[in-house]
Amino acid sequence: IEYRLQLESNPEFTGSVLIAYARAAFRLAKKGETGCHTVFDIAPALLM
């Protein structure tokens, strides 16, 4: 199994990932969840 990234701008790509997870954080907060999470804890649908 191989997963590959080729990025012309590291900060722009990383910023895009951060914003997807900001959407997830907003939705978790709306549901009343608290505490710290990592990407392992976030359902993919929450990113979209």
All heavy atoms as atom14 arrays in JSON, in Angstrom:
{
  "sequence": "IEYRLQLESNPEFTGSVLIAYARAAFRLAKKGETGCHTVFDIAPALLM",
  "atom14_mask": [
    [1, 1, 1, 1, 1, 1, 1, 1, 0, 0, 0, 0, 0, 0],
    [1, 1, 1, 1, 1, 1, 1, 1, 1, 0, 0, 0, 0, 0],
    [1, 1, 1, 1, 1, 1, 1, 1, 1, 1, 1, 1, 0, 0],
    [1, 1, 1, 1, 1, 1, 1, 1, 1, 1, 1, 0, 0, 0],
    [1, 1, 1, 1, 1, 1, 1, 1, 0, 0, 0, 0, 0, 0],
    [1, 1, 1, 1, 1, 1, 1, 1, 1, 0, 0, 0, 0, 0],
    [1, 1, 1, 1, 1, 1, 1, 1, 0, 0, 0, 0, 0, 0],
    [1, 1, 1, 1, 1, 1, 1, 1, 1, 0, 0, 0, 0, 0],
    [1, 1, 1, 1, 1, 1, 0, 0, 0, 0, 0, 0, 0, 0],
    [1, 1, 1, 1, 1, 1, 1, 1, 0, 0, 0, 0, 0, 0],
    [1, 1, 1, 1, 1, 1, 1, 0, 0, 0, 0, 0, 0, 0],
    [1, 1, 1, 1, 1, 1, 1, 1, 1, 0, 0, 0, 0, 0],
    [1, 1, 1, 1, 1, 1, 1, 1, 1, 1, 1, 0, 0, 0],
    [1, 1, 1, 1, 1, 1, 1, 0, 0, 0, 0, 0, 0, 0],
    [1, 1, 1, 1, 0, 0, 0, 0, 0, 0, 0, 0, 0, 0],
    [1, 1, 1, 1, 1, 1, 0, 0, 0, 0, 0, 0, 0, 0],
    [1, 1, 1, 1, 1, 1, 1, 0, 0, 0, 0, 0, 0, 0],
    [1, 1, 1, 1, 1, 1, 1, 1, 0, 0, 0, 0, 0, 0],
    [1, 1, 1, 1, 1, 1, 1, 1, 0, 0, 0, 0, 0, 0],
    [1, 1, 1, 1, 1, 0, 0, 0, 0, 0, 0, 0, 0, 0],
    [1, 1, 1, 1, 1, 1, 1, 1, 1, 1, 1, 1, 0, 0],
    [1, 1, 1, 1, 1, 0, 0, 0, 0, 0, 0, 0, 0, 0],
    [1, 1, 1, 1, 1, 1, 1, 1, 1, 1, 1, 0, 0, 0],
    [1, 1, 1, 1, 1, 0, 0, 0, 0, 0, 0, 0, 0, 0],
    [1, 1, 1, 1, 1, 0, 0, 0, 0, 0, 0, 0, 0, 0],
    [1, 1, 1, 1, 1, 1, 1, 1, 1, 1, 1, 0, 0, 0],
    [1, 1, 1, 1, 1, 1, 1, 1, 1, 1, 1, 0, 0, 0],
    [1, 1, 1, 1, 1, 1, 1, 1, 0, 0, 0, 0, 0, 0],
    [1, 1, 1, 1, 1, 0, 0, 0, 0, 0, 0, 0, 0, 0],
    [1, 1, 1, 1, 1, 1, 1, 1, 1, 0, 0, 0, 0, 0],
    [1, 1, 1, 1, 1, 1, 1, 1, 1, 0, 0, 0, 0, 0],
    [1, 1, 1, 1, 0, 0, 0, 0, 0, 0, 0, 0, 0, 0],
    [1, 1, 1, 1, 1, 1, 1, 1, 1, 0, 0, 0, 0, 0],
    [1, 1, 1, 1, 1, 1, 1, 0, 0, 0, 0, 0, 0, 0],
    [1, 1, 1, 1, 0, 0, 0, 0, 0, 0, 0, 0, 0, 0],
    [1, 1, 1, 1, 1, 1, 0, 0, 0, 0, 0, 0, 0, 0],
    [1, 1, 1, 1, 1, 1, 1, 1, 1, 1, 0, 0, 0, 0],
    [1, 1, 1, 1, 1, 1, 1, 0, 0, 0, 0, 0, 0, 0],
    [1, 1, 1, 1, 1, 1, 1, 0, 0, 0, 0, 0, 0, 0],
    [1, 1, 1, 1, 1, 1, 1, 1, 1, 1, 1, 0, 0, 0],
    [1, 1, 1, 1, 1, 1, 1, 1, 0, 0, 0, 0, 0, 0],
    [1, 1, 1, 1, 1, 1, 1, 1, 0, 0, 0, 0, 0, 0],
    [1, 1, 1, 1, 1, 0, 0, 0, 0, 0, 0, 0, 0, 0],
    [1, 1, 1, 1, 1, 1, 1, 0, 0, 0, 0, 0, 0, 0],
    [1, 1, 1, 1, 1, 0, 0, 0, 0, 0, 0, 0, 0, 0],
    [1, 1, 1, 1, 1, 1, 1, 1, 0, 0, 0, 0, 0, 0],
    [1, 1, 1, 1, 1, 1, 1, 1, 0, 0, 0, 0, 0, 0],
    [1, 1, 1, 1, 1, 1, 1, 1, 0, 0, 0, 0, 0, 0]
  ],
  "atom14_positions": [
    [[0.87, -1.18, 0.0], [0.0, 0.0, 0.0], [0.91, 1.23, 0.0], [1.83, 1.32, 0.81], [-0.9, 0.03, 1.25], [-1.83, -1.18, 1.28], [-1.71, 1.34, 1.3], [-2.6, -1.32, 2.59], [0.0, 0.0, 0.0], [0.0, 0.0, 0.0], [0.0, 0.0, 0.0], [0.0, 0.0, 0.0], [0.0, 0.0, 0.0], [0.0, 0.0, 0.0]],
    [[0.66, 2.17, -0.92], [1.46, 3.4, -0.94], [0.56, 4.6, -1.12], [-0.34, 4.62, -1.96], [2.49, 3.36, -2.08], [3.35, 4.62, -2.13], [4.55, 4.51, -3.06], [4.83, 3.4, -3.55], [5.22, 5.55, -3.29], [0.0, 0.0, 0.0], [0.0, 0.0, 0.0], [0.0, 0.0, 0.0], [0.0, 0.0, 0.0], [0.0, 0.0, 0.0]],
    [[0.81, 5.6, -0.28], [0.08, 6.87, -0.33], [1.12, 7.97, -0.5], [2.07, 8.06, 0.28], [-0.71, 7.07, 0.95], [-1.48, 8.37, 1.07], [-2.67, 8.55, 0.38], [-1.02, 9.4, 1.87], [-3.39, 9.73, 0.49], [-1.72, 10.59, 2.0], [-2.91, 10.74, 1.3], [-3.62, 11.92, 1.42], [0.0, 0.0, 0.0], [0.0, 0.0, 0.0]],
    [[0.97, 8.81, -1.52], [2.01, 9.77, -1.87], [1.44, 11.17, -2.01], [0.34, 11.36, -2.54], [2.67, 9.35, -3.19], [3.8, 10.25, -3.68], [4.55, 9.59, -4.82], [5.59, 10.46, -5.35], [5.49, 11.15, -6.49], [4.38, 11.04, -7.22], [6.47, 11.92, -6.9], [0.0, 0.0, 0.0], [0.0, 0.0, 0.0], [0.0, 0.0, 0.0]],
    [[2.19, 12.14, -1.54], [1.85, 13.55, -1.7], [3.0, 14.28, -2.38], [4.17, 14.06, -2.04], [1.59, 14.2, -0.34], [0.37, 13.74, 0.46], [0.35, 14.43, 1.81], [-0.91, 14.02, -0.3], [0.0, 0.0, 0.0], [0.0, 0.0, 0.0], [0.0, 0.0, 0.0], [0.0, 0.0, 0.0], [0.0, 0.0, 0.0], [0.0, 0.0, 0.0]],
    [[2.66, 15.16, -3.29], [3.65, 16.04, -3.93], [3.09, 17.45, -3.86], [2.13, 17.79, -4.55], [3.9, 15.62, -5.38], [5.07, 16.34, -6.02], [5.46, 15.71, -7.35], [4.95, 14.65, -7.72], [6.36, 16.36, -8.07], [0.0, 0.0, 0.0], [0.0, 0.0, 0.0], [0.0, 0.0, 0.0], [0.0, 0.0, 0.0], [0.0, 0.0, 0.0]],
    [[3.68, 18.28, -3.0], [3.1, 19.56, -2.64], [3.95, 20.71, -3.15], [5.13, 20.82, -2.82], [2.98, 19.66, -1.11], [2.36, 18.45, -0.41], [2.37, 18.68, 1.09], [0.96, 18.17, -0.93], [0.0, 0.0, 0.0], [0.0, 0.0, 0.0], [0.0, 0.0, 0.0], [0.0, 0.0, 0.0], [0.0, 0.0, 0.0], [0.0, 0.0, 0.0]],
    [[3.32, 21.6, -3.9], [4.03, 22.79, -4.37], [4.16, 23.82, -3.25], [5.11, 24.6, -3.23], [3.29, 23.39, -5.56], [4.07, 24.48, -6.29], [3.43, 24.85, -7.61], [3.17, 23.94, -8.42], [3.18, 26.06, -7.81], [0.0, 0.0, 0.0], [0.0, 0.0, 0.0], [0.0, 0.0, 0.0], [0.0, 0.0, 0.0], [0.0, 0.0, 0.0]],
    [[3.2, 23.82, -2.33], [3.25, 24.72, -1.17], [2.85, 23.96, 0.08], [1.67, 23.66, 0.26], [2.33, 25.93, -1.36], [2.24, 26.67, -0.14], [0.0, 0.0, 0.0], [0.0, 0.0, 0.0], [0.0, 0.0, 0.0], [0.0, 0.0, 0.0], [0.0, 0.0, 0.0], [0.0, 0.0, 0.0], [0.0, 0.0, 0.0], [0.0, 0.0, 0.0]],
    [[3.82, 23.65, 0.9], [3.57, 22.96, 2.17], [2.57, 23.74, 3.04], [1.57, 23.18, 3.5], [4.89, 22.74, 2.89], [4.78, 21.91, 4.15], [3.71, 21.52, 4.56], [5.91, 21.66, 4.79], [0.0, 0.0, 0.0], [0.0, 0.0, 0.0], [0.0, 0.0, 0.0], [0.0, 0.0, 0.0], [0.0, 0.0, 0.0], [0.0, 0.0, 0.0]],
    [[2.78, 25.05, 3.29], [1.85, 25.75, 4.18], [0.44, 25.88, 3.62], [-0.54, 25.83, 4.38], [2.5, 27.12, 4.39], [3.45, 27.28, 3.26], [3.93, 25.9, 2.93], [0.0, 0.0, 0.0], [0.0, 0.0, 0.0], [0.0, 0.0, 0.0], [0.0, 0.0, 0.0], [0.0, 0.0, 0.0], [0.0, 0.0, 0.0], [0.0, 0.0, 0.0]],
    [[0.3, 26.04, 2.31], [-1.06, 26.13, 1.76], [-1.78, 24.8, 1.87], [-2.98, 24.75, 2.19], [-1.0, 26.6, 0.3], [-0.66, 28.07, 0.16], [-0.76, 28.55, -1.28], [-1.31, 27.81, -2.13], [-0.31, 29.67, -1.55], [0.0, 0.0, 0.0], [0.0, 0.0, 0.0], [0.0, 0.0, 0.0], [0.0, 0.0, 0.0], [0.0, 0.0, 0.0]],
    [[-1.08, 23.7, 1.63], [-1.71, 22.39, 1.77], [-2.04, 22.11, 3.23], [-3.15, 21.67, 3.56], [-0.79, 21.3, 1.22], [-1.43, 19.93, 1.22], [-2.25, 19.52, 0.19], [-1.21, 19.05, 2.27], [-2.85, 18.27, 0.19], [-1.8, 17.81, 2.29], [-2.62, 17.4, 1.25], [0.0, 0.0, 0.0], [0.0, 0.0, 0.0], [0.0, 0.0, 0.0]],
    [[-1.09, 22.37, 4.12], [-1.33, 22.15, 5.55], [-2.48, 23.02, 6.04], [-3.33, 22.58, 6.83], [-0.06, 22.44, 6.36], [0.99, 21.59, 5.9], [-0.28, 22.2, 7.85], [0.0, 0.0, 0.0], [0.0, 0.0, 0.0], [0.0, 0.0, 0.0], [0.0, 0.0, 0.0], [0.0, 0.0, 0.0], [0.0, 0.0, 0.0], [0.0, 0.0, 0.0]],
    [[-2.55, 24.25, 5.56], [-3.66, 25.13, 5.92], [-5.0, 24.56, 5.49], [-6.0, 24.67, 6.21], [0.0, 0.0, 0.0], [0.0, 0.0, 0.0], [0.0, 0.0, 0.0], [0.0, 0.0, 0.0], [0.0, 0.0, 0.0], [0.0, 0.0, 0.0], [0.0, 0.0, 0.0], [0.0, 0.0, 0.0], [0.0, 0.0, 0.0], [0.0, 0.0, 0.0]],
    [[-5.03, 23.91, 4.34], [-6.26, 23.29, 3.86], [-6.68, 22.12, 4.74], [-7.88, 21.91, 5.0], [-6.09, 22.83, 2.41], [-5.9, 23.93, 1.55], [0.0, 0.0, 0.0], [0.0, 0.0, 0.0], [0.0, 0.0, 0.0], [0.0, 0.0, 0.0], [0.0, 0.0, 0.0], [0.0, 0.0, 0.0], [0.0, 0.0, 0.0], [0.0, 0.0, 0.0]],
    [[-5.7, 21.35, 5.22], [-6.02, 20.24, 6.13], [-6.55, 20.8, 7.45], [-7.54, 20.3, 8.01], [-4.78, 19.36, 6.37], [-5.13, 18.19, 7.3], [-4.22, 18.82, 5.06], [0.0, 0.0, 0.0], [0.0, 0.0, 0.0], [0.0, 0.0, 0.0], [0.0, 0.0, 0.0], [0.0, 0.0, 0.0], [0.0, 0.0, 0.0], [0.0, 0.0, 0.0]],
    [[-5.91, 21.83, 7.97], [-6.35, 22.44, 9.22], [-7.79, 22.93, 9.13], [-8.58, 22.75, 10.06], [-5.42, 23.6, 9.59], [-4.06, 23.21, 10.16], [-3.08, 24.37, 10.06], [-4.2, 22.78, 11.62], [0.0, 0.0, 0.0], [0.0, 0.0, 0.0], [0.0, 0.0, 0.0], [0.0, 0.0, 0.0], [0.0, 0.0, 0.0], [0.0, 0.0, 0.0]],
    [[-8.15, 23.52, 8.0], [-9.49, 24.07, 7.84], [-10.54, 22.95, 7.79], [-11.65, 23.07, 8.33], [-9.56, 24.97, 6.6], [-8.97, 26.34, 6.94], [-10.97, 25.13, 6.09], [-9.59, 27.01, 8.15], [0.0, 0.0, 0.0], [0.0, 0.0, 0.0], [0.0, 0.0, 0.0], [0.0, 0.0, 0.0], [0.0, 0.0, 0.0], [0.0, 0.0, 0.0]],
    [[-10.19, 21.83, 7.16], [-11.12, 20.69, 7.15], [-11.39, 20.2, 8.57], [-12.54, 19.9, 8.94], [-10.56, 19.56, 6.29], [0.0, 0.0, 0.0], [0.0, 0.0, 0.0], [0.0, 0.0, 0.0], [0.0, 0.0, 0.0], [0.0, 0.0, 0.0], [0.0, 0.0, 0.0], [0.0, 0.0, 0.0], [0.0, 0.0, 0.0], [0.0, 0.0, 0.0]],
    [[-10.33, 20.15, 9.38], [-10.51, 19.69, 10.76], [-11.12, 20.77, 11.65], [-11.74, 20.44, 12.67], [-9.19, 19.16, 11.32], [-8.95, 17.74, 10.86], [-8.31, 17.48, 9.65], [-9.4, 16.66, 11.6], [-8.12, 16.18, 9.2], [-9.22, 15.36, 11.16], [-8.58, 15.12, 9.96], [-8.42, 13.84, 9.52], [0.0, 0.0, 0.0], [0.0, 0.0, 0.0]],
    [[-10.99, 22.03, 11.27], [-11.71, 23.08, 11.99], [-13.21, 22.89, 11.83], [-14.0, 23.11, 12.76], [-11.28, 24.46, 11.48], [0.0, 0.0, 0.0], [0.0, 0.0, 0.0], [0.0, 0.0, 0.0], [0.0, 0.0, 0.0], [0.0, 0.0, 0.0], [0.0, 0.0, 0.0], [0.0, 0.0, 0.0], [0.0, 0.0, 0.0], [0.0, 0.0, 0.0]],
    [[-13.63, 22.45, 10.65], [-15.04, 22.15, 10.41], [-15.5, 21.03, 11.36], [-16.58, 21.09, 11.96], [-15.24, 21.75, 8.95], [-16.68, 21.42, 8.58], [-16.81, 21.08, 7.11], [-16.55, 22.23, 6.25], [-15.51, 22.33, 5.42], [-14.63, 21.35, 5.33], [-15.35, 23.41, 4.68], [0.0, 0.0, 0.0], [0.0, 0.0, 0.0], [0.0, 0.0, 0.0]],
    [[-14.65, 20.01, 11.51], [-14.99, 18.91, 12.41], [-15.07, 19.38, 13.86], [-15.97, 18.98, 14.6], [-13.96, 17.79, 12.27], [0.0, 0.0, 0.0], [0.0, 0.0, 0.0], [0.0, 0.0, 0.0], [0.0, 0.0, 0.0], [0.0, 0.0, 0.0], [0.0, 0.0, 0.0], [0.0, 0.0, 0.0], [0.0, 0.0, 0.0], [0.0, 0.0, 0.0]],
    [[-14.13, 20.23, 14.26], [-14.15, 20.74, 15.64], [-15.43, 21.52, 15.9], [-16.04, 21.41, 16.98], [-12.93, 21.62, 15.88], [0.0, 0.0, 0.0], [0.0, 0.0, 0.0], [0.0, 0.0, 0.0], [0.0, 0.0, 0.0], [0.0, 0.0, 0.0], [0.0, 0.0, 0.0], [0.0, 0.0, 0.0], [0.0, 0.0, 0.0], [0.0, 0.0, 0.0]],
    [[-15.84, 22.32, 14.95], [-17.08, 23.09, 15.08], [-18.27, 22.16, 15.28], [-19.12, 22.38, 16.16], [-17.27, 23.96, 13.83], [-18.61, 24.62, 13.73], [-18.91, 25.75, 14.49], [-19.58, 24.12, 12.87], [-20.15, 26.37, 14.4], [-20.83, 24.73, 12.76], [-21.11, 25.86, 13.53], [0.0, 0.0, 0.0], [0.0, 0.0, 0.0], [0.0, 0.0, 0.0]],
    [[-18.33, 21.1, 14.49], [-19.46, 20.16, 14.59], [-19.44, 19.39, 15.9], [-20.49, 19.15, 16.5], [-19.43, 19.22, 13.39], [-19.78, 19.92, 12.08], [-19.6, 19.03, 10.88], [-20.12, 19.67, 9.67], [-19.97, 19.19, 8.44], [-19.29, 18.05, 8.26], [-20.46, 19.83, 7.4], [0.0, 0.0, 0.0], [0.0, 0.0, 0.0], [0.0, 0.0, 0.0]],
    [[-18.25, 19.0, 16.35], [-18.15, 18.31, 17.65], [-18.6, 19.22, 18.78], [-19.3, 18.78, 19.7], [-16.72, 17.83, 17.88], [-16.23, 16.7, 16.99], [-14.75, 16.42, 17.28], [-17.05, 15.43, 17.18], [0.0, 0.0, 0.0], [0.0, 0.0, 0.0], [0.0, 0.0, 0.0], [0.0, 0.0, 0.0], [0.0, 0.0, 0.0], [0.0, 0.0, 0.0]],
    [[-18.19, 20.48, 18.73], [-18.6, 21.44, 19.76], [-20.11, 21.63, 19.76], [-20.73, 21.73, 20.83], [-17.88, 22.77, 19.55], [0.0, 0.0, 0.0], [0.0, 0.0, 0.0], [0.0, 0.0, 0.0], [0.0, 0.0, 0.0], [0.0, 0.0, 0.0], [0.0, 0.0, 0.0], [0.0, 0.0, 0.0], [0.0, 0.0, 0.0], [0.0, 0.0, 0.0]],
    [[-20.71, 21.66, 18.57], [-22.17, 21.81, 18.47], [-22.88, 20.62, 19.12], [-23.99, 20.77, 19.65], [-22.58, 21.92, 17.0], [-22.35, 23.28, 16.38], [-23.36, 24.29, 16.9], [-23.28, 25.61, 16.15], [-24.24, 26.6, 16.69], [0.0, 0.0, 0.0], [0.0, 0.0, 0.0], [0.0, 0.0, 0.0], [0.0, 0.0, 0.0], [0.0, 0.0, 0.0]],
    [[-22.24, 19.45, 19.09], [-22.84, 18.25, 19.69], [-22.58, 18.17, 21.19], [-23.01, 17.23, 21.85], [-22.28, 17.0, 19.01], [-22.73, 16.83, 17.57], [-21.93, 15.75, 16.86], [-22.09, 14.4, 17.52], [-21.35, 13.34, 16.77], [0.0, 0.0, 0.0], [0.0, 0.0, 0.0], [0.0, 0.0, 0.0], [0.0, 0.0, 0.0], [0.0, 0.0, 0.0]],
    [[-21.81, 19.13, 21.71], [-21.55, 19.16, 23.14], [-20.33, 18.38, 23.58], [-20.1, 18.18, 24.78], [0.0, 0.0, 0.0], [0.0, 0.0, 0.0], [0.0, 0.0, 0.0], [0.0, 0.0, 0.0], [0.0, 0.0, 0.0], [0.0, 0.0, 0.0], [0.0, 0.0, 0.0], [0.0, 0.0, 0.0], [0.0, 0.0, 0.0], [0.0, 0.0, 0.0]],
    [[-19.5, 17.94, 22.62], [-18.3, 17.21, 22.99], [-17.23, 18.19, 23.5], [-17.22, 19.37, 23.15], [-17.77, 16.4, 21.81], [-18.71, 15.29, 21.38], [-18.01, 14.22, 20.55], [-16.77, 14.06, 20.7], [-18.71, 13.55, 19.78], [0.0, 0.0, 0.0], [0.0, 0.0, 0.0], [0.0, 0.0, 0.0], [0.0, 0.0, 0.0], [0.0, 0.0, 0.0]],
    [[-16.31, 17.68, 24.31], [-15.22, 18.49, 24.85], [-13.94, 17.66, 24.83], [-13.95, 16.47, 24.56], [-15.51, 18.94, 26.29], [-15.68, 17.78, 27.12], [-16.78, 19.8, 26.36], [0.0, 0.0, 0.0], [0.0, 0.0, 0.0], [0.0, 0.0, 0.0], [0.0, 0.0, 0.0], [0.0, 0.0, 0.0], [0.0, 0.0, 0.0], [0.0, 0.0, 0.0]],
    [[-12.84, 18.32, 25.16], [-11.57, 17.63, 25.28], [-10.76, 17.64, 24.0], [-11.14, 18.23, 22.99], [0.0, 0.0, 0.0], [0.0, 0.0, 0.0], [0.0, 0.0, 0.0], [0.0, 0.0, 0.0], [0.0, 0.0, 0.0], [0.0, 0.0, 0.0], [0.0, 0.0, 0.0], [0.0, 0.0, 0.0], [0.0, 0.0, 0.0], [0.0, 0.0, 0.0]],
    [[-9.6, 16.99, 24.07], [-8.66, 16.98, 22.96], [-8.85, 15.74, 22.09], [-9.21, 14.66, 22.59], [-7.23, 17.03, 23.5], [-5.98, 17.35, 22.22], [0.0, 0.0, 0.0], [0.0, 0.0, 0.0], [0.0, 0.0, 0.0], [0.0, 0.0, 0.0], [0.0, 0.0, 0.0], [0.0, 0.0, 0.0], [0.0, 0.0, 0.0], [0.0, 0.0, 0.0]],
    [[-8.62, 15.9, 20.8], [-8.75, 14.83, 19.83], [-7.54, 14.86, 18.89], [-6.83, 15.86, 18.82], [-10.02, 14.98, 18.99], [-11.28, 15.08, 19.79], [-11.6, 16.19, 20.56], [-12.32, 14.21, 19.94], [-12.77, 15.98, 21.15], [-13.22, 14.79, 20.79], [0.0, 0.0, 0.0], [0.0, 0.0, 0.0], [0.0, 0.0, 0.0], [0.0, 0.0, 0.0]],
    [[-7.35, 13.76, 18.16], [-6.4, 13.73, 17.04], [-7.17, 13.29, 15.81], [-8.36, 12.97, 15.87], [-5.23, 12.77, 17.31], [-5.69, 11.41, 17.21], [-4.6, 13.02, 18.67], [0.0, 0.0, 0.0], [0.0, 0.0, 0.0], [0.0, 0.0, 0.0], [0.0, 0.0, 0.0], [0.0, 0.0, 0.0], [0.0, 0.0, 0.0], [0.0, 0.0, 0.0]],
    [[-6.47, 13.21, 14.68], [-7.12, 12.79, 13.45], [-7.7, 11.38, 13.57], [-8.67, 11.04, 12.87], [-6.16, 12.86, 12.25], [-5.75, 14.3, 11.98], [-4.93, 11.98, 12.45], [0.0, 0.0, 0.0], [0.0, 0.0, 0.0], [0.0, 0.0, 0.0], [0.0, 0.0, 0.0], [0.0, 0.0, 0.0], [0.0, 0.0, 0.0], [0.0, 0.0, 0.0]],
    [[-7.15, 10.56, 14.47], [-7.67, 9.2, 14.65], [-9.11, 9.2, 15.18], [-9.84, 8.24, 14.99], [-6.79, 8.41, 15.62], [-5.39, 8.15, 15.12], [-4.34, 8.07, 16.03], [-5.12, 7.97, 13.78], [-3.05, 7.82, 15.59], [-3.84, 7.72, 13.33], [-2.79, 7.64, 14.23], [0.0, 0.0, 0.0], [0.0, 0.0, 0.0], [0.0, 0.0, 0.0]],
    [[-9.5, 10.26, 15.86], [-10.79, 10.3, 16.53], [-11.9, 10.93, 15.69], [-13.05, 10.95, 16.12], [-10.67, 11.11, 17.83], [-9.52, 10.64, 18.7], [-9.45, 9.43, 18.96], [-8.69, 11.48, 19.1], [0.0, 0.0, 0.0], [0.0, 0.0, 0.0], [0.0, 0.0, 0.0], [0.0, 0.0, 0.0], [0.0, 0.0, 0.0], [0.0, 0.0, 0.0]],
    [[-11.55, 11.46, 14.52], [-12.51, 12.25, 13.75], [-13.08, 11.44, 12.6], [-12.33, 10.96, 11.74], [-11.83, 13.53, 13.2], [-11.16, 14.31, 14.33], [-12.84, 14.39, 12.45], [-12.08, 14.76, 15.43], [0.0, 0.0, 0.0], [0.0, 0.0, 0.0], [0.0, 0.0, 0.0], [0.0, 0.0, 0.0], [0.0, 0.0, 0.0], [0.0, 0.0, 0.0]],
    [[-14.41, 11.29, 12.55], [-15.05, 10.59, 11.44], [-14.84, 11.38, 10.15], [-14.99, 12.61, 10.13], [-16.54, 10.42, 11.72], [0.0, 0.0, 0.0], [0.0, 0.0, 0.0], [0.0, 0.0, 0.0], [0.0, 0.0, 0.0], [0.0, 0.0, 0.0], [0.0, 0.0, 0.0], [0.0, 0.0, 0.0], [0.0, 0.0, 0.0], [0.0, 0.0, 0.0]],
    [[-14.5, 10.72, 9.04], [-14.24, 11.44, 7.79], [-15.37, 12.35, 7.35], [-15.13, 13.43, 6.8], [-14.0, 10.31, 6.79], [-13.5, 9.17, 7.6], [-14.22, 9.27, 8.91], [0.0, 0.0, 0.0], [0.0, 0.0, 0.0], [0.0, 0.0, 0.0], [0.0, 0.0, 0.0], [0.0, 0.0, 0.0], [0.0, 0.0, 0.0], [0.0, 0.0, 0.0]],
    [[-16.62, 11.94, 7.59], [-17.74, 12.76, 7.14], [-17.77, 14.13, 7.8], [-18.31, 15.09, 7.24], [-19.07, 12.02, 7.4], [0.0, 0.0, 0.0], [0.0, 0.0, 0.0], [0.0, 0.0, 0.0], [0.0, 0.0, 0.0], [0.0, 0.0, 0.0], [0.0, 0.0, 0.0], [0.0, 0.0, 0.0], [0.0, 0.0, 0.0], [0.0, 0.0, 0.0]],
    [[-17.18, 14.25, 9.0], [-17.17, 15.54, 9.69], [-16.28, 16.57, 9.0], [-16.38, 17.77, 9.26], [-16.71, 15.36, 11.14], [-17.62, 14.55, 12.07], [-16.98, 14.42, 13.44], [-18.99, 15.21, 12.17], [0.0, 0.0, 0.0], [0.0, 0.0, 0.0], [0.0, 0.0, 0.0], [0.0, 0.0, 0.0], [0.0, 0.0, 0.0], [0.0, 0.0, 0.0]],
    [[-15.4, 16.1, 8.12], [-14.47, 17.01, 7.44], [-15.09, 17.7, 6.24], [-14.57, 18.71, 5.76], [-13.23, 16.24, 6.96], [-12.48, 15.41, 8.0], [-11.36, 14.63, 7.32], [-11.93, 16.29, 9.1], [0.0, 0.0, 0.0], [0.0, 0.0, 0.0], [0.0, 0.0, 0.0], [0.0, 0.0, 0.0], [0.0, 0.0, 0.0], [0.0, 0.0, 0.0]],
    [[-16.18, 17.15, 5.75], [-16.75, 17.6, 4.48], [-17.93, 18.54, 4.68], [-18.75, 18.34, 5.58], [-17.21, 16.37, 3.68], [-16.09, 15.41, 3.31], [-14.98, 16.11, 2.08], [-16.05, 16.09, 0.63], [0.0, 0.0, 0.0], [0.0, 0.0, 0.0], [0.0, 0.0, 0.0], [0.0, 0.0, 0.0], [0.0, 0.0, 0.0], [0.0, 0.0, 0.0]]
  ]
}
